[in-house]
Amino acid sequence: MTGLPNDPVMLLSVVNTALRDTHQDLDGFCKTRDVEKEDIVNKLKTINYEYNAELNKFV
């Protein structure tokens, strides 16, 4: 995940902030950042967070 934090808690903060401020959904974020959605989802699962499309954030 180039350019994104490796630490899951920091990654959560970066991703949720971007989703709130600049992206309509996780797919758009991943496309813009050129990262695999599965990589982010799996990393955040390690700290028990899952993407909620309705809220457009990891909860």
PDB file of N, CA and C in Angstrom:
ATOM      1  N   MET A   1       0.841  -1.181   0.000  1.00  0.00           N
ATOM      2  CA  MET A   1       0.000   0.000   0.000  1.00  0.00           C
ATOM      3  C   MET A   1       0.883   1.240   0.000  1.00  0.00           C
ATOM      4  N   THR A   2       1.371   1.556  -1.119  1.00  0.00           N
ATOM      5  CA  THR A   2       2.277   2.672  -1.301  1.00  0.00           C
ATOM      6  C   THR A   2       1.660   3.986  -0.840  1.00  0.00           C
ATOM      7  N   GLY A   3       2.402   4.706  -0.011  1.00  0.00           N
ATOM      8  CA  GLY A   3       1.960   6.021   0.424  1.00  0.00           C
ATOM      9  C   GLY A   3       0.947   6.015   1.553  1.00  0.00           C
ATOM     10  N   LEU A   4       0.532   4.843   1.989  1.00  0.00           N
ATOM     11  CA  LEU A   4      -0.418   4.740   3.092  1.00  0.00           C
ATOM     12  C   LEU A   4       0.289   4.141   4.307  1.00  0.00           C
ATOM     13  N   PRO A   5      -0.159   4.502   5.501  1.00  0.00           N
ATOM     14  CA  PRO A   5       0.480   3.963   6.706  1.00  0.00           C
ATOM     15  C   PRO A   5       0.358   2.445   6.784  1.00  0.00           C
ATOM     16  N   ASN A   6       1.374   1.807   7.304  1.00  0.00           N
ATOM     17  CA  ASN A   6       1.344   0.366   7.507  1.00  0.00           C
ATOM     18  C   ASN A   6       0.610   0.008   8.799  1.00  0.00           C
ATOM     19  N   ASP A   7       0.655   0.896   9.776  1.00  0.00           N
ATOM     20  CA  ASP A   7      -0.029   0.674  11.046  1.00  0.00           C
ATOM     21  C   ASP A   7      -1.540   0.728  10.822  1.00  0.00           C
ATOM     22  N   PRO A   8      -2.288  -0.295  11.230  1.00  0.00           N
ATOM     23  CA  PRO A   8      -3.719  -0.326  10.948  1.00  0.00           C
ATOM     24  C   PRO A   8      -4.512   0.828  11.567  1.00  0.00           C
ATOM     25  N   VAL A   9      -4.138   1.282  12.747  1.00  0.00           N
ATOM     26  CA  VAL A   9      -4.870   2.384  13.380  1.00  0.00           C
ATOM     27  C   VAL A   9      -4.647   3.683  12.608  1.00  0.00           C
ATOM     28  N   MET A  10      -3.423   3.920  12.182  1.00  0.00           N
ATOM     29  CA  MET A  10      -3.136   5.108  11.374  1.00  0.00           C
ATOM     30  C   MET A  10      -3.821   5.002  10.012  1.00  0.00           C
ATOM     31  N   LEU A  11      -3.818   3.811   9.441  1.00  0.00           N
ATOM     32  CA  LEU A  11      -4.494   3.584   8.160  1.00  0.00           C
ATOM     33  C   LEU A  11      -5.987   3.876   8.290  1.00  0.00           C
ATOM     34  N   LEU A  12      -6.586   3.422   9.362  1.00  0.00           N
ATOM     35  CA  LEU A  12      -8.001   3.693   9.613  1.00  0.00           C
ATOM     36  C   LEU A  12      -8.282   5.187   9.603  1.00  0.00           C
ATOM     37  N   SER A  13      -7.454   5.942  10.272  1.00  0.00           N
ATOM     38  CA  SER A  13      -7.637   7.389  10.337  1.00  0.00           C
ATOM     39  C   SER A  13      -7.523   8.028   8.959  1.00  0.00           C
ATOM     40  N   VAL A  14      -6.504   7.652   8.223  1.00  0.00           N
ATOM     41  CA  VAL A  14      -6.281   8.218   6.889  1.00  0.00           C
ATOM     42  C   VAL A  14      -7.438   7.869   5.951  1.00  0.00           C
ATOM     43  N   VAL A  15      -7.838   6.617   5.947  1.00  0.00           N
ATOM     44  CA  VAL A  15      -8.886   6.173   5.029  1.00  0.00           C
ATOM     45  C   VAL A  15     -10.229   6.805   5.388  1.00  0.00           C
ATOM     46  N   ASN A  16     -10.613   6.760   6.654  1.00  0.00           N
ATOM     47  CA  ASN A  16     -11.909   7.336   7.027  1.00  0.00           C
ATOM     48  C   ASN A  16     -11.953   8.841   6.794  1.00  0.00           C
ATOM     49  N   THR A  17     -10.849   9.525   7.022  1.00  0.00           N
ATOM     50  CA  THR A  17     -10.809  10.965   6.755  1.00  0.00           C
ATOM     51  C   THR A  17     -10.988  11.231   5.264  1.00  0.00           C
ATOM     52  N   ALA A  18     -10.292  10.463   4.433  1.00  0.00           N
ATOM     53  CA  ALA A  18     -10.415  10.640   2.984  1.00  0.00           C
ATOM     54  C   ALA A  18     -11.827  10.305   2.508  1.00  0.00           C
ATOM     55  N   LEU A  19     -12.411   9.255   3.064  1.00  0.00           N
ATOM     56  CA  LEU A  19     -13.778   8.893   2.680  1.00  0.00           C
ATOM     57  C   LEU A  19     -14.751   9.989   3.071  1.00  0.00           C
ATOM     58  N   ARG A  20     -14.557  10.569   4.217  1.00  0.00           N
ATOM     59  CA  ARG A  20     -15.445  11.644   4.678  1.00  0.00           C
ATOM     60  C   ARG A  20     -15.275  12.905   3.837  1.00  0.00           C
ATOM     61  N   ASP A  21     -14.029  13.260   3.541  1.00  0.00           N
ATOM     62  CA  ASP A  21     -13.746  14.565   2.942  1.00  0.00           C
ATOM     63  C   ASP A  21     -13.730  14.594   1.418  1.00  0.00           C
ATOM     64  N   THR A  22     -13.299  13.509   0.778  1.00  0.00           N
ATOM     65  CA  THR A  22     -13.045  13.621  -0.659  1.00  0.00           C
ATOM     66  C   THR A  22     -13.534  12.468  -1.533  1.00  0.00           C
ATOM     67  N   HIS A  23     -14.024  11.394  -0.953  1.00  0.00           N
ATOM     68  CA  HIS A  23     -14.400  10.238  -1.776  1.00  0.00           C
ATOM     69  C   HIS A  23     -15.809   9.772  -1.452  1.00  0.00           C
ATOM     70  N   GLN A  24     -16.545   9.423  -2.488  1.00  0.00           N
ATOM     71  CA  GLN A  24     -17.925   8.970  -2.305  1.00  0.00           C
ATOM     72  C   GLN A  24     -18.010   7.526  -1.849  1.00  0.00           C
ATOM     73  N   ASP A  25     -16.949   6.752  -2.096  1.00  0.00           N
ATOM     74  CA  ASP A  25     -16.956   5.358  -1.659  1.00  0.00           C
ATOM     75  C   ASP A  25     -15.538   4.806  -1.628  1.00  0.00           C
ATOM     76  N   LEU A  26     -15.416   3.599  -1.078  1.00  0.00           N
ATOM     77  CA  LEU A  26     -14.106   2.969  -0.936  1.00  0.00           C
ATOM     78  C   LEU A  26     -13.494   2.647  -2.295  1.00  0.00           C
ATOM     79  N   ASP A  27     -14.311   2.261  -3.254  1.00  0.00           N
ATOM     80  CA  ASP A  27     -13.789   1.963  -4.591  1.00  0.00           C
ATOM     81  C   ASP A  27     -13.117   3.190  -5.202  1.00  0.00           C
ATOM     82  N   GLY A  28     -13.744   4.345  -5.054  1.00  0.00           N
ATOM     83  CA  GLY A  28     -13.162   5.581  -5.566  1.00  0.00           C
ATOM     84  C   GLY A  28     -11.855   5.921  -4.883  1.00  0.00           C
ATOM     85  N   PHE A  29     -11.806   5.732  -3.570  1.00  0.00           N
ATOM     86  CA  PHE A  29     -10.569   5.965  -2.821  1.00  0.00           C
ATOM     87  C   PHE A  29      -9.457   5.065  -3.346  1.00  0.00           C
ATOM     88  N   CYS A  30      -9.764   3.785  -3.499  1.00  0.00           N
ATOM     89  CA  CYS A  30      -8.756   2.821  -3.954  1.00  0.00           C
ATOM     90  C   CYS A  30      -8.271   3.141  -5.362  1.00  0.00           C
ATOM     91  N   LYS A  31      -9.171   3.537  -6.226  1.00  0.00           N
ATOM     92  CA  LYS A  31      -8.789   3.888  -7.595  1.00  0.00           C
ATOM     93  C   LYS A  31      -7.877   5.113  -7.595  1.00  0.00           C
ATOM     94  N   THR A  32      -8.244   6.128  -6.826  1.00  0.00           N
ATOM     95  CA  THR A  32      -7.439   7.349  -6.751  1.00  0.00           C
ATOM     96  C   THR A  32      -6.055   7.074  -6.187  1.00  0.00           C
ATOM     97  N   ARG A  33      -5.986   6.245  -5.147  1.00  0.00           N
ATOM     98  CA  ARG A  33      -4.715   5.952  -4.473  1.00  0.00           C
ATOM     99  C   ARG A  33      -3.958   4.799  -5.122  1.00  0.00           C
ATOM    100  N   ASP A  34      -4.570   4.153  -6.120  1.00  0.00           N
ATOM    101  CA  ASP A  34      -3.972   3.011  -6.812  1.00  0.00           C
ATOM    102  C   ASP A  34      -3.573   1.911  -5.830  1.00  0.00           C
ATOM    103  N   VAL A  35      -4.543   1.521  -4.997  1.00  0.00           N
ATOM    104  CA  VAL A  35      -4.342   0.441  -4.035  1.00  0.00           C
ATOM    105  C   VAL A  35      -5.456  -0.588  -4.200  1.00  0.00           C
ATOM    106  N   GLU A  36      -5.184  -1.783  -3.761  1.00  0.00           N
ATOM    107  CA  GLU A  36      -6.179  -2.848  -3.823  1.00  0.00           C
ATOM    108  C   GLU A  36      -7.141  -2.721  -2.643  1.00  0.00           C
ATOM    109  N   LYS A  37      -8.410  -2.721  -2.955  1.00  0.00           N
ATOM    110  CA  LYS A  37      -9.445  -2.626  -1.919  1.00  0.00           C
ATOM    111  C   LYS A  37      -9.282  -3.752  -0.895  1.00  0.00           C
ATOM    112  N   GLU A  38      -9.015  -4.938  -1.381  1.00  0.00           N
ATOM    113  CA  GLU A  38      -8.860  -6.104  -0.510  1.00  0.00           C
ATOM    114  C   GLU A  38      -7.736  -5.902   0.509  1.00  0.00           C
ATOM    115  N   ASP A  39      -6.651  -5.243   0.103  1.00  0.00           N
ATOM    116  CA  ASP A  39      -5.536  -5.000   1.025  1.00  0.00           C
ATOM    117  C   ASP A  39      -5.965  -4.114   2.190  1.00  0.00           C
ATOM    118  N   ILE A  40      -6.713  -3.068   1.889  1.00  0.00           N
ATOM    119  CA  ILE A  40      -7.182  -2.159   2.942  1.00  0.00           C
ATOM    120  C   ILE A  40      -8.186  -2.871   3.838  1.00  0.00           C
ATOM    121  N   VAL A  41      -9.139  -3.548   3.231  1.00  0.00           N
ATOM    122  CA  VAL A  41     -10.166  -4.259   4.002  1.00  0.00           C
ATOM    123  C   VAL A  41      -9.519  -5.287   4.929  1.00  0.00           C
ATOM    124  N   ASN A  42      -8.584  -6.056   4.414  1.00  0.00           N
ATOM    125  CA  ASN A  42      -7.932  -7.083   5.228  1.00  0.00           C
ATOM    126  C   ASN A  42      -7.101  -6.484   6.353  1.00  0.00           C
ATOM    127  N   LYS A  43      -6.399  -5.409   6.073  1.00  0.00           N
ATOM    128  CA  LYS A  43      -5.578  -4.760   7.097  1.00  0.00           C
ATOM    129  C   LYS A  43      -6.451  -4.232   8.227  1.00  0.00           C
ATOM    130  N   LEU A  44      -7.578  -3.625   7.881  1.00  0.00           N
ATOM    131  CA  LEU A  44      -8.440  -3.054   8.909  1.00  0.00           C
ATOM    132  C   LEU A  44      -9.261  -4.119   9.641  1.00  0.00           C
ATOM    133  N   LYS A  45      -9.418  -5.274   9.036  1.00  0.00           N
ATOM    134  CA  LYS A  45     -10.061  -6.391   9.743  1.00  0.00           C
ATOM    135  C   LYS A  45      -9.209  -6.842  10.922  1.00  0.00           C
ATOM    136  N   THR A  46      -7.907  -6.646  10.843  1.00  0.00           N
ATOM    137  CA  THR A  46      -7.023  -7.068  11.935  1.00  0.00           C
ATOM    138  C   THR A  46      -7.290  -6.288  13.215  1.00  0.00           C
ATOM    139  N   ILE A  47      -7.936  -5.131  13.100  1.00  0.00           N
ATOM    140  CA  ILE A  47      -8.314  -4.362  14.290  1.00  0.00           C
ATOM    141  C   ILE A  47      -9.842  -4.284  14.407  1.00  0.00           C
ATOM    142  N   ASN A  48     -10.490  -5.264  13.784  1.00  0.00           N
ATOM    143  CA  ASN A  48     -11.947  -5.440  13.896  1.00  0.00           C
ATOM    144  C   ASN A  48     -12.774  -4.299  13.313  1.00  0.00           C
ATOM    145  N   TYR A  49     -12.311  -3.742  12.202  1.00  0.00           N
ATOM    146  CA  TYR A  49     -13.082  -2.721  11.492  1.00  0.00           C
ATOM    147  C   TYR A  49     -13.495  -3.273  10.143  1.00  0.00           C
ATOM    148  N   GLU A  50     -14.727  -2.969   9.752  1.00  0.00           N
ATOM    149  CA  GLU A  50     -15.247  -3.365   8.446  1.00  0.00           C
ATOM    150  C   GLU A  50     -15.847  -2.151   7.765  1.00  0.00           C
ATOM    151  N   TYR A  51     -15.794  -2.157   6.446  1.00  0.00           N
ATOM    152  CA  TYR A  51     -16.344  -1.044   5.678  1.00  0.00           C
ATOM    153  C   TYR A  51     -17.862  -1.109   5.678  1.00  0.00           C
ATOM    154  N   ASN A  52     -18.490   0.016   5.988  1.00  0.00           N
ATOM    155  CA  ASN A  52     -19.941   0.151   5.932  1.00  0.00           C
ATOM    156  C   ASN A  52     -20.246   1.106   4.782  1.00  0.00           C
ATOM    157  N   ALA A  53     -20.763   0.559   3.685  1.00  0.00           N
ATOM    158  CA  ALA A  53     -21.009   1.367   2.485  1.00  0.00           C
ATOM    159  C   ALA A  53     -22.069   2.436   2.720  1.00  0.00           C
ATOM    160  N   GLU A  54     -23.052   2.136   3.550  1.00  0.00           N
ATOM    161  CA  GLU A  54     -24.111   3.105   3.825  1.00  0.00           C
ATOM    162  C   GLU A  54     -23.559   4.340   4.545  1.00  0.00           C
ATOM    163  N   LEU A  55     -22.644   4.107   5.475  1.00  0.00           N
ATOM    164  CA  LEU A  55     -22.022   5.217   6.210  1.00  0.00           C
ATOM    165  C   LEU A  55     -20.779   5.756   5.506  1.00  0.00           C
ATOM    166  N   ASN A  56     -20.274   4.998   4.542  1.00  0.00           N
ATOM    167  CA  ASN A  56     -19.049   5.321   3.818  1.00  0.00           C
ATOM    168  C   ASN A  56     -17.870   5.520   4.769  1.00  0.00           C
ATOM    169  N   LYS A  57     -17.717   4.537   5.665  1.00  0.00           N
ATOM    170  CA  LYS A  57     -16.559   4.554   6.560  1.00  0.00           C
ATOM    171  C   LYS A  57     -16.377   3.177   7.175  1.00  0.00           C
ATOM    172  N   PHE A  58     -15.200   2.986   7.732  1.00  0.00           N
ATOM    173  CA  PHE A  58     -14.924   1.759   8.457  1.00  0.00           C
ATOM    174  C   PHE A  58     -15.415   1.931   9.886  1.00  0.00           C
ATOM    175  N   VAL A  59     -16.170   0.939  10.348  1.00  0.00           N
ATOM    176  CA  VAL A  59     -16.721   0.991  11.708  1.00  0.00           C
ATOM    177  C   VAL A  59     -16.429  -0.310  12.434  1.00  0.00           C
TER     178      VAL A  59
END
